[in-house]
C-alpha atoms as a PDB file:
ATOM      1  CA  MET A   1      12.328 -22.909 122.417  1.00  0.00           C
ATOM      2  CA  ILE A   2       9.672 -21.107 120.386  1.00  0.00           C
ATOM      3  CA  ALA A   3       6.561 -21.177 122.560  1.00  0.00           C
ATOM      4  CA  ILE A   4       8.026 -19.947 125.860  1.00  0.00           C
ATOM      5  CA  PRO A   5       9.791 -16.823 124.478  1.00  0.00           C
ATOM      6  CA  ALA A   6       6.727 -16.066 122.333  1.00  0.00           C
ATOM      7  CA  LEU A   7       4.491 -16.244 125.412  1.00  0.00           C
ATOM      8  CA  VAL A   8       6.872 -13.955 127.325  1.00  0.00           C
ATOM      9  CA  PHE A   9       6.732 -11.370 124.517  1.00  0.00           C
ATOM     10  CA  VAL A  10       2.931 -11.546 124.353  1.00  0.00           C
ATOM     11  CA  GLN A  11       2.662 -11.145 128.139  1.00  0.00           C
ATOM     12  CA  HIS A  12       5.130  -8.224 128.107  1.00  0.00           C
ATOM     13  CA  ALA A  13       3.253  -6.518 125.272  1.00  0.00           C
ATOM     14  CA  PHE A  14       0.244  -6.000 127.552  1.00  0.00           C
ATOM     15  CA  GLY A  15       2.284  -3.712 129.817  1.00  0.00           C
ATOM     16  CA  ALA A  16       5.035  -2.242 127.646  1.00  0.00           C
ATOM     17  CA  ARG A  17       6.560  -2.261 124.196  1.00  0.00           C
ATOM     18  CA  VAL A  18       8.354  -5.358 122.869  1.00  0.00           C
ATOM     19  CA  GLN A  19      11.525  -4.056 121.270  1.00  0.00           C
ATOM     20  CA  ALA A  20      11.982  -4.962 117.601  1.00  0.00           C
ATOM     21  CA  ASN A  21      15.211  -6.904 118.200  1.00  0.00           C
ATOM     22  CA  TRP A  22      13.866  -9.163 120.978  1.00  0.00           C
ATOM     23  CA  PRO A  23      12.247 -11.795 118.706  1.00  0.00           C
ATOM     24  CA  VAL A  24      15.679 -12.522 117.217  1.00  0.00           C
ATOM     25  CA  VAL A  25      16.023 -15.256 119.874  1.00  0.00           C
ATOM     26  CA  LEU A  26      13.253 -17.129 118.048  1.00  0.00           C
ATOM     27  CA  TYR A  27      14.950 -17.122 114.634  1.00  0.00           C
ATOM     28  CA  PRO A  28      17.324 -20.111 115.073  1.00  0.00           C
ATOM     29  CA  ALA A  29      14.549 -22.390 116.325  1.00  0.00           C
ATOM     30  CA  LEU A  30      12.165 -21.154 113.621  1.00  0.00           C
ATOM     31  CA  ALA A  31      14.833 -21.777 110.965  1.00  0.00           C
ATOM     32  CA  VAL A  32      15.326 -25.348 112.187  1.00  0.00           C
ATOM     33  CA  ALA A  33      11.557 -25.885 112.293  1.00  0.00           C
ATOM     34  CA  ALA A  34      11.214 -24.565 108.746  1.00  0.00           C
ATOM     35  CA  VAL A  35      13.591 -27.165 107.293  1.00  0.00           C
ATOM     36  CA  LEU A  36      12.145 -30.157 109.104  1.00  0.00           C
ATOM     37  CA  PRO A  37       9.518 -30.961 106.467  1.00  0.00           C
ATOM     38  CA  VAL A  38      10.917 -31.931 103.095  1.00  0.00           C
ATOM     39  CA  TRP A  39       9.436 -29.708 100.415  1.00  0.00           C
ATOM     40  CA  ARG A  40      10.184 -28.708  96.851  1.00  0.00           C
ATOM     41  CA  GLY A  41      12.219 -25.581  96.464  1.00  0.00           C
ATOM     42  CA  ALA A  42      14.239 -26.010  99.669  1.00  0.00           C
ATOM     43  CA  VAL A  43      17.574 -25.778  97.837  1.00  0.00           C
ATOM     44  CA  ALA A  44      16.530 -22.718  95.819  1.00  0.00           C
ATOM     45  CA  SER A  45      15.189 -21.000  98.937  1.00  0.00           C
ATOM     46  CA  SER A  46      18.397 -21.746 100.836  1.00  0.00           C
ATOM     47  CA  LEU A  47      20.534 -20.358  98.002  1.00  0.00           C
ATOM     48  CA  PHE A  48      18.328 -17.260  97.803  1.00  0.00           C
ATOM     49  CA  GLY A  49      18.688 -16.738 101.578  1.00  0.00           C
ATOM     50  CA  MET A  50      22.490 -17.067 101.356  1.00  0.00           C
ATOM     51  CA  ALA A  51      22.552 -14.574  98.476  1.00  0.00           C
ATOM     52  CA  LEU A  52      20.556 -12.073 100.545  1.00  0.00           C
ATOM     53  CA  VAL A  53      22.980 -12.479 103.457  1.00  0.00           C
ATOM     54  CA  LEU A  54      25.890 -11.850 101.081  1.00  0.00           C
ATOM     55  CA  VAL A  55      24.213  -8.682  99.747  1.00  0.00           C
ATOM     56  CA  ILE A  56      23.664  -7.377 103.306  1.00  0.00           C
ATOM     57  CA  VAL A  57      27.255  -8.137 104.335  1.00  0.00           C
ATOM     58  CA  MET A  58      28.636  -6.430 101.212  1.00  0.00           C
ATOM     59  CA  GLN A  59      26.448  -3.365 101.873  1.00  0.00           C
ATOM     60  CA  ALA A  60      27.598  -3.235 105.504  1.00  0.00           C
ATOM     61  CA  ILE A  61      31.285  -3.403 104.595  1.00  0.00           C
ATOM     62  CA  PHE A  62      31.595  -1.573 101.261  1.00  0.00           C
ATOM     63  CA  SER A  63      28.292   0.389 100.840  1.00  0.00           C
ATOM     64  CA  PRO A  64      28.101  -0.089  97.052  1.00  0.00           C
ATOM     65  CA  VAL A  65      24.519   1.230  97.018  1.00  0.00           C
ATOM     66  CA  THR A  66      23.778   4.662  98.501  1.00  0.00           C
ATOM     67  CA  LEU A  67      20.655   4.370 100.633  1.00  0.00           C
ATOM     68  CA  SER A  68      19.132   6.558 103.323  1.00  0.00           C
ATOM     69  CA  PRO A  69      19.435   5.298 106.909  1.00  0.00           C
ATOM     70  CA  HIS A  70      15.684   4.656 106.800  1.00  0.00           C
ATOM     71  CA  PHE A  71      16.308   1.821 104.321  1.00  0.00           C
ATOM     72  CA  ASP A  72      19.886   0.861 105.193  1.00  0.00           C
ATOM     73  CA  MET A  73      19.954  -0.728 108.633  1.00  0.00           C
ATOM     74  CA  THR A  74      23.702  -1.335 108.366  1.00  0.00           C
ATOM     75  CA  LEU A  75      24.224   2.422 108.038  1.00  0.00           C
ATOM     76  CA  ARG A  76      21.721   3.297 110.748  1.00  0.00           C
ATOM     77  CA  GLN A  77      23.127   0.919 113.346  1.00  0.00           C
ATOM     78  CA  MET A  78      26.765   0.336 112.417  1.00  0.00           C
ATOM     79  CA  GLY A  79      27.952   3.093 110.122  1.00  0.00           C
ATOM     80  CA  GLY A  80      30.576   5.658 111.046  1.00  0.00           C
ATOM     81  CA  TRP A  81      30.920   5.083 114.791  1.00  0.00           C
ATOM     82  CA  GLN A  82      34.713   5.205 114.905  1.00  0.00           C
ATOM     83  CA  ASP A  83      34.951   8.504 112.994  1.00  0.00           C
ATOM     84  CA  PHE A  84      32.025   9.921 114.968  1.00  0.00           C
ATOM     85  CA  ALA A  85      33.667   9.170 118.332  1.00  0.00           C
ATOM     86  CA  ARG A  86      36.844  10.851 117.065  1.00  0.00           C
ATOM     87  CA  THR A  87      34.831  13.890 115.920  1.00  0.00           C
ATOM     88  CA  VAL A  88      33.110  14.156 119.311  1.00  0.00           C
ATOM     89  CA  ALA A  89      36.475  13.952 121.062  1.00  0.00           C
ATOM     90  CA  ASP A  90      37.907  16.652 118.776  1.00  0.00           C
ATOM     91  CA  HIS A  91      34.973  19.031 119.403  1.00  0.00           C
ATOM     92  CA  THR A  92      34.988  18.760 123.204  1.00  0.00           C
ATOM     93  CA  PRO A  93      37.738  19.576 125.736  1.00  0.00           C
ATOM     94  CA  PRO A  94      40.167  16.632 126.065  1.00  0.00           C
ATOM     95  CA  SER A  95      39.627  16.107 129.794  1.00  0.00           C
ATOM     96  CA  SER A  96      35.824  16.415 129.695  1.00  0.00           C
ATOM     97  CA  VAL A  97      33.410  13.546 130.273  1.00  0.00           C
ATOM     98  CA  LEU A  98      31.275  12.351 127.369  1.00  0.00           C
ATOM     99  CA  VAL A  99      27.704  11.646 128.481  1.00  0.00           C
ATOM    100  CA  ALA A 100      24.939   9.660 126.777  1.00  0.00           C
ATOM    101  CA  ASP A 101      21.422   8.894 127.971  1.00  0.00           C
ATOM    102  CA  GLU A 102      20.838   6.110 125.417  1.00  0.00           C
ATOM    103  CA  TYR A 103      22.471   2.777 126.194  1.00  0.00           C
ATOM    104  CA  GLY A 104      23.439   2.074 122.559  1.00  0.00           C
ATOM    105  CA  LEU A 105      25.081   5.463 122.062  1.00  0.00           C
ATOM    106  CA  ALA A 106      26.844   5.226 125.426  1.00  0.00           C
ATOM    107  CA  SER A 107      28.233   1.800 124.505  1.00  0.00           C
ATOM    108  CA  GLU A 108      29.483   2.950 121.084  1.00  0.00           C
ATOM    109  CA  LEU A 109      31.137   6.049 122.546  1.00  0.00           C
ATOM    110  CA  SER A 110      32.781   3.985 125.265  1.00  0.00           C
ATOM    111  CA  PHE A 111      34.106   1.474 122.721  1.00  0.00           C
ATOM    112  CA  TYR A 112      35.411   3.983 120.169  1.00  0.00           C
ATOM    113  CA  ALA A 113      36.387   6.976 122.330  1.00  0.00           C
ATOM    114  CA  PRO A 114      40.117   7.709 122.569  1.00  0.00           C
ATOM    115  CA  PRO A 115      41.905   5.822 125.357  1.00  0.00           C
ATOM    116  CA  GLY A 116      41.487   7.455 128.740  1.00  0.00           C
ATOM    117  CA  ARG A 117      38.471   9.516 127.664  1.00  0.00           C
ATOM    118  CA  PRO A 118      35.765   8.985 130.328  1.00  0.00           C
ATOM    119  CA  VAL A 119      32.269   8.064 129.139  1.00  0.00           C
ATOM    120  CA  MET A 120      29.257   8.313 131.434  1.00  0.00           C
ATOM    121  CA  ALA A 121      25.976   6.477 130.845  1.00  0.00           C
ATOM    122  CA  VAL A 122      22.833   7.969 132.365  1.00  0.00           C
ATOM    123  CA  GLU A 123      19.708   5.826 132.542  1.00  0.00           C
ATOM    124  CA  PRO A 124      18.075   3.817 135.358  1.00  0.00           C
ATOM    125  CA  ARG A 125      18.879   0.431 133.772  1.00  0.00           C
ATOM    126  CA  TRP A 126      22.638   1.056 134.119  1.00  0.00           C
ATOM    127  CA  MET A 127      22.235   0.825 137.875  1.00  0.00           C
ATOM    128  CA  LEU A 128      21.537  -2.912 137.423  1.00  0.00           C
ATOM    129  CA  PHE A 129      25.159  -3.464 136.367  1.00  0.00           C
ATOM    130  CA  ASP A 130      28.174  -3.706 138.623  1.00  0.00           C
ATOM    131  CA  LEU A 131      29.798  -0.571 137.217  1.00  0.00           C
ATOM    132  CA  PRO A 132      31.315   2.333 139.184  1.00  0.00           C
ATOM    133  CA  ARG A 133      28.842   5.089 140.082  1.00  0.00           C
ATOM    134  CA  ALA A 134      29.600   8.280 138.201  1.00  0.00           C
ATOM    135  CA  ALA A 135      30.727  11.345 140.113  1.00  0.00           C
ATOM    136  CA  CYS A 136      28.872  14.640 139.778  1.00  0.00           C
ATOM    137  CA  GLY A 137      30.383  17.284 137.570  1.00  0.00           C
ATOM    138  CA  GLU A 138      30.212  18.784 134.125  1.00  0.00           C
ATOM    139  CA  GLY A 139      30.287  16.937 130.832  1.00  0.00           C
ATOM    140  CA  TYR A 140      29.110  16.950 127.235  1.00  0.00           C
ATOM    141  CA  LEU A 141      25.810  15.212 126.587  1.00  0.00           C
ATOM    142  CA  ILE A 142      25.446  13.688 123.118  1.00  0.00           C
ATOM    143  CA  ARG A 143      21.828  13.128 121.951  1.00  0.00           C
ATOM    144  CA  SER A 144      20.376  11.957 118.655  1.00  0.00           C
ATOM    145  CA  TYR A 145      18.147  14.373 116.733  1.00  0.00           C
ATOM    146  CA  ARG A 146      15.620  11.516 116.638  1.00  0.00           C
ATOM    147  CA  ARG A 147      14.916  12.355 120.266  1.00  0.00           C
ATOM    148  CA  HIS A 148      12.958  15.555 119.856  1.00  0.00           C
ATOM    149  CA  ASP A 149      12.766  16.336 123.567  1.00  0.00           C
ATOM    150  CA  GLN A 150      15.226  18.327 125.645  1.00  0.00           C
ATOM    151  CA  PRO A 151      17.669  16.690 128.081  1.00  0.00           C
ATOM    152  CA  ASP A 152      15.958  15.331 131.209  1.00  0.00           C
ATOM    153  CA  ALA A 153      15.972  18.099 133.828  1.00  0.00           C
ATOM    154  CA  THR A 154      16.068  15.528 136.645  1.00  0.00           C
ATOM    155  CA  HIS A 155      19.553  14.490 135.471  1.00  0.00           C
ATOM    156  CA  PHE A 156      21.032  17.546 133.761  1.00  0.00           C
ATOM    157  CA  ILE A 157      21.359  21.299 134.016  1.00  0.00           C
ATOM    158  CA  VAL A 158      22.046  22.521 130.469  1.00  0.00           C
ATOM    159  CA  LEU A 159      24.814  25.118 130.532  1.00  0.00           C
ATOM    160  CA  GLU A 160      25.178  25.619 126.785  1.00  0.00           C
ATOM    161  CA  GLU A 161      24.192  23.993 123.499  1.00  0.00           C
ATOM    162  CA  GLU A 162      27.134  23.277 121.221  1.00  0.00           C
ATOM    163  CA  PRO A 163      27.103  22.893 117.405  1.00  0.00           C
ATOM    164  CA  SER A 164      25.541  19.623 116.252  1.00  0.00           C
ATOM    165  CA  LEU A 165      27.622  16.751 114.870  1.00  0.00           C
ATOM    166  CA  VAL A 166      26.861  14.067 112.282  1.00  0.00           C
ATOM    167  CA  ARG A 167      27.689  10.381 112.080  1.00  0.00           C
ATOM    168  CA  GLN A 168      28.219   9.297 108.494  1.00  0.00           C
ATOM    169  CA  ARG A 169      29.642   6.542 106.318  1.00  0.00           C
ATOM    170  CA  HIS A 170      31.139   7.357 102.911  1.00  0.00           C
ATOM    171  CA  GLY A 171      29.453  10.759 102.960  1.00  0.00           C
ATOM    172  CA  VAL A 172      25.952   9.427 103.712  1.00  0.00           C
ATOM    173  CA  VAL A 173      24.604  10.764 107.027  1.00  0.00           C
ATOM    174  CA  ALA A 174      23.451   8.056 109.411  1.00  0.00           C
ATOM    175  CA  ASP A 175      22.325  10.383 112.207  1.00  0.00           C
ATOM    176  CA  THR A 176      22.733  13.916 113.528  1.00  0.00           C
ATOM    177  CA  TYR A 177      23.465  14.600 117.188  1.00  0.00           C
ATOM    178  CA  SER A 178      22.928  17.537 119.517  1.00  0.00           C
ATOM    179  CA  VAL A 179      25.769  18.327 121.899  1.00  0.00           C
ATOM    180  CA  PHE A 180      24.991  19.952 125.254  1.00  0.00           C
ATOM    181  CA  HIS A 181      27.451  21.223 127.837  1.00  0.00           C
ATOM    182  CA  VAL A 182      25.749  20.007 131.023  1.00  0.00           C
ATOM    183  CA  GLN A 183      26.094  19.930 134.784  1.00  0.00           C
ATOM    184  CA  MET A 184      25.059  16.595 136.301  1.00  0.00           C
ATOM    185  CA  ARG A 185      22.494  16.664 139.096  1.00  0.00           C
ATOM    186  CA  CYS A 186      23.566  14.801 142.236  1.00  0.00           C
ATOM    187  CA  ASP A 187      21.645  12.298 144.320  1.00  0.00           C
ATOM    188  CA  ALA A 188      21.768  12.083 148.125  1.00  0.00           C
ATOM    189  CA  THR A 189      25.083  10.187 148.019  1.00  0.00           C
ATOM    190  CA  GLY A 190      26.840  12.852 145.943  1.00  0.00           C
ATOM    191  CA  HIS A 191      26.876  10.769 142.750  1.00  0.00           C
ATOM    192  CA  ALA A 192      25.330  11.706 139.427  1.00  0.00           C
ATOM    193  CA  ARG A 193      21.738  10.424 139.309  1.00  0.00           C
ATOM    194  CA  ASP A 194      21.296   7.019 137.612  1.00  0.00           C
ATOM    195  CA  ALA A 195      24.766   7.365 136.096  1.00  0.00           C
ATOM    196  CA  VAL A 196      27.712   4.992 135.784  1.00  0.00           C
ATOM    197  CA  THR A 197      31.183   5.314 134.313  1.00  0.00           C
ATOM    198  CA  LEU A 198      31.710   2.901 131.447  1.00  0.00           C
ATOM    199  CA  PRO A 199      34.989   1.025 131.138  1.00  0.00           C
END
């Protein structure tokens, strides 16, 4: 349970990046392996670990300590999505499609967007899922400021850049997003390239 995933990650690292969250599959087996030998301090270490988990959970729910998203992973990954999706919906025409070219952002928008608001995900990996192909048309592309490049010209024709929006929790900004009014480029079948409609 430890060796095989570790070997897969090492092999993958020779051709591409191993994402930071992938090794999480090793943690349960490593935790079990760590407690197999009996050693002094096991109880204190376990209590310390539980206390750290409690601190992280309290920070994620109540944010008692104001930290930048660089140091607060709960803010960076989980903070403010519901309000952000509402803000995006309020700043774009009600019938327009929301578009994201990051799978995490597309998933969050799809989950928190108002009922009936279509969300389109654009990225080659989405084509591996059994989701309806997205139709060509116009939409509003939401992109994190962390992505310093412009929208991919093979997928989008930028019609206009809208005012940027922020995602925040209790007044602390988690991320800032560019909003582009875009026209989707079509493939040979008349669908938007590498795009699906999320449920």
